[in-house]
């Protein structure tokens, strides 16, 4: 798996994932909030399957 999630994208995914999981854990939102695991994992790993399917990448190009 080649990394296809760049720096800012990774940080945003991790923050959104943690917020959704936190809201779900406190009961503020329903159980659907645990879908935050997906952006959290893709942010931590640096690879997104959907980006691969679409041929997209937010990583800076290496020279």
N, C-alpha and C. Protein backbone atom coordinates (compact mmCIF):
# COMPACT_ATOMS: atom_id res chain seq x y z
N UNK A 1 0.84 -1.18 0.00
CA UNK A 1 0.00 0.00 0.00
C UNK A 1 0.89 1.24 0.00
N UNK A 2 0.73 2.05 -1.00
CA UNK A 2 1.47 3.30 -1.10
C UNK A 2 0.65 4.39 -0.43
N UNK A 3 1.29 5.21 0.37
CA UNK A 3 0.59 6.28 1.08
C UNK A 3 -0.06 7.23 0.09
N UNK A 4 -1.34 7.54 0.31
CA UNK A 4 -2.05 8.47 -0.57
C UNK A 4 -2.83 9.54 0.21
N UNK A 5 -2.55 9.66 1.51
CA UNK A 5 -3.22 10.66 2.34
C UNK A 5 -2.13 11.59 2.88
N UNK A 6 -2.21 12.87 2.51
CA UNK A 6 -1.19 13.85 2.89
C UNK A 6 -1.35 14.38 4.31
N UNK A 7 -0.47 15.28 4.69
CA UNK A 7 -0.37 15.79 6.06
C UNK A 7 -1.63 16.43 6.61
N UNK A 8 -2.14 17.46 5.96
CA UNK A 8 -3.34 18.16 6.46
C UNK A 8 -4.54 17.22 6.43
N UNK A 9 -4.64 16.45 5.37
CA UNK A 9 -5.73 15.47 5.24
C UNK A 9 -5.68 14.47 6.39
N UNK A 10 -4.50 14.01 6.74
CA UNK A 10 -4.34 13.04 7.83
C UNK A 10 -4.79 13.64 9.16
N UNK A 11 -4.35 14.87 9.43
CA UNK A 11 -4.71 15.52 10.69
C UNK A 11 -6.22 15.70 10.79
N UNK A 12 -6.84 16.16 9.71
CA UNK A 12 -8.29 16.36 9.71
C UNK A 12 -9.04 15.05 9.92
N UNK A 13 -8.57 13.99 9.28
CA UNK A 13 -9.22 12.68 9.45
C UNK A 13 -9.12 12.20 10.89
N UNK A 14 -7.95 12.36 11.49
CA UNK A 14 -7.77 11.92 12.88
C UNK A 14 -8.65 12.72 13.82
N UNK A 15 -8.70 14.04 13.64
CA UNK A 15 -9.53 14.89 14.51
C UNK A 15 -11.00 14.56 14.36
N UNK A 16 -11.48 14.45 13.12
CA UNK A 16 -12.89 14.13 12.88
C UNK A 16 -13.22 12.76 13.45
N UNK A 17 -12.35 11.79 13.26
CA UNK A 17 -12.57 10.45 13.80
C UNK A 17 -12.68 10.46 15.31
N UNK A 18 -11.75 11.15 15.98
CA UNK A 18 -11.78 11.21 17.43
C UNK A 18 -13.02 11.93 17.96
N UNK A 19 -13.41 13.02 17.28
CA UNK A 19 -14.61 13.76 17.71
C UNK A 19 -15.85 12.88 17.58
N UNK A 20 -16.00 12.20 16.45
CA UNK A 20 -17.17 11.33 16.26
C UNK A 20 -17.20 10.19 17.28
N UNK A 21 -16.07 9.58 17.54
CA UNK A 21 -16.02 8.49 18.52
C UNK A 21 -16.33 9.03 19.91
N UNK A 22 -15.79 10.20 20.23
CA UNK A 22 -16.07 10.81 21.53
C UNK A 22 -17.53 11.15 21.71
N UNK A 23 -18.15 11.68 20.68
CA UNK A 23 -19.58 12.01 20.74
C UNK A 23 -20.43 10.75 20.89
N UNK A 24 -20.04 9.70 20.20
CA UNK A 24 -20.77 8.44 20.31
C UNK A 24 -20.60 7.82 21.70
N UNK A 25 -19.39 7.91 22.24
CA UNK A 25 -19.11 7.32 23.55
C UNK A 25 -19.86 8.04 24.66
N UNK A 26 -20.07 9.34 24.51
CA UNK A 26 -20.79 10.10 25.54
C UNK A 26 -22.30 10.08 25.34
N UNK A 27 -22.74 9.51 24.24
CA UNK A 27 -24.18 9.42 23.99
C UNK A 27 -24.77 10.65 23.35
N UNK A 28 -23.93 11.59 22.94
CA UNK A 28 -24.42 12.81 22.29
C UNK A 28 -25.04 12.50 20.93
N UNK A 29 -24.41 11.60 20.21
CA UNK A 29 -24.97 11.11 18.95
C UNK A 29 -25.21 9.62 19.11
N UNK A 30 -25.92 9.05 18.18
CA UNK A 30 -26.21 7.62 18.26
C UNK A 30 -24.98 6.77 17.97
N UNK A 31 -25.22 5.50 17.86
CA UNK A 31 -24.14 4.54 17.60
C UNK A 31 -23.47 4.79 16.25
N UNK A 32 -24.13 5.51 15.36
CA UNK A 32 -23.54 5.79 14.05
C UNK A 32 -22.25 6.59 14.20
N UNK A 33 -22.05 7.24 15.33
CA UNK A 33 -20.85 8.03 15.55
C UNK A 33 -19.58 7.19 15.54
N UNK A 34 -19.74 5.89 15.79
CA UNK A 34 -18.58 5.01 15.78
C UNK A 34 -18.04 4.79 14.37
N UNK A 35 -18.72 5.33 13.36
CA UNK A 35 -18.18 5.31 12.00
C UNK A 35 -16.91 6.16 11.96
N UNK A 36 -16.68 6.95 13.00
CA UNK A 36 -15.46 7.74 13.11
C UNK A 36 -14.20 6.89 13.15
N UNK A 37 -14.36 5.60 13.36
CA UNK A 37 -13.21 4.69 13.34
C UNK A 37 -12.57 4.68 11.94
N UNK A 38 -13.39 4.81 10.91
CA UNK A 38 -12.88 4.76 9.54
C UNK A 38 -11.93 5.93 9.25
N UNK A 39 -12.35 7.19 9.45
CA UNK A 39 -11.38 8.27 9.18
C UNK A 39 -10.19 8.25 10.14
N UNK A 40 -10.41 7.79 11.36
CA UNK A 40 -9.31 7.70 12.31
C UNK A 40 -8.25 6.72 11.81
N UNK A 41 -8.67 5.55 11.38
CA UNK A 41 -7.71 4.55 10.89
C UNK A 41 -7.03 4.98 9.60
N UNK A 42 -7.80 5.56 8.68
CA UNK A 42 -7.17 6.00 7.42
C UNK A 42 -6.18 7.13 7.68
N UNK A 43 -6.47 7.97 8.67
CA UNK A 43 -5.53 9.03 9.03
C UNK A 43 -4.28 8.49 9.67
N UNK A 44 -4.43 7.51 10.54
CA UNK A 44 -3.27 6.93 11.22
C UNK A 44 -2.39 6.13 10.27
N UNK A 45 -3.02 5.37 9.37
CA UNK A 45 -2.29 4.53 8.44
C UNK A 45 -1.73 5.33 7.27
N UNK A 46 -2.44 6.36 6.84
CA UNK A 46 -1.98 7.18 5.71
C UNK A 46 -2.40 6.64 4.37
N UNK A 47 -3.33 5.71 4.36
CA UNK A 47 -3.81 5.12 3.11
C UNK A 47 -5.33 5.05 3.12
N UNK A 48 -5.95 5.45 2.02
CA UNK A 48 -7.41 5.43 1.89
C UNK A 48 -7.78 4.60 0.67
N UNK A 49 -8.60 3.59 0.88
CA UNK A 49 -9.02 2.72 -0.21
C UNK A 49 -9.82 3.45 -1.28
N UNK A 50 -10.68 4.37 -0.87
CA UNK A 50 -11.47 5.12 -1.83
C UNK A 50 -10.57 6.00 -2.71
N UNK A 51 -9.56 6.61 -2.11
CA UNK A 51 -8.61 7.39 -2.89
C UNK A 51 -7.92 6.51 -3.92
N UNK A 52 -7.59 5.28 -3.54
CA UNK A 52 -6.94 4.37 -4.48
C UNK A 52 -7.85 4.04 -5.65
N UNK A 53 -9.12 3.78 -5.35
CA UNK A 53 -10.07 3.46 -6.42
C UNK A 53 -10.25 4.63 -7.38
N UNK A 54 -10.24 5.85 -6.84
CA UNK A 54 -10.45 7.04 -7.66
C UNK A 54 -9.15 7.57 -8.28
N UNK A 55 -8.02 6.99 -7.89
CA UNK A 55 -6.74 7.45 -8.40
C UNK A 55 -6.33 8.80 -7.85
N UNK A 56 -6.78 9.12 -6.65
CA UNK A 56 -6.50 10.41 -6.04
C UNK A 56 -5.42 10.27 -4.98
N UNK A 57 -4.70 11.35 -4.72
CA UNK A 57 -3.69 11.37 -3.67
C UNK A 57 -3.53 12.80 -3.18
N UNK A 58 -3.42 12.95 -1.87
CA UNK A 58 -3.18 14.28 -1.30
C UNK A 58 -1.76 14.38 -0.76
N UNK A 59 -0.94 13.37 -1.03
CA UNK A 59 0.46 13.40 -0.63
C UNK A 59 1.25 14.31 -1.57
N UNK A 60 2.22 15.02 -1.02
CA UNK A 60 3.07 15.82 -1.92
C UNK A 60 3.90 14.89 -2.81
N UNK A 61 4.16 15.33 -4.00
CA UNK A 61 4.93 14.51 -4.95
C UNK A 61 6.38 14.46 -4.53
N UNK A 62 6.98 13.26 -4.59
CA UNK A 62 8.39 13.10 -4.29
C UNK A 62 9.20 13.35 -5.55
N UNK A 63 10.35 14.01 -5.38
CA UNK A 63 11.16 14.33 -6.54
C UNK A 63 12.30 13.37 -6.69
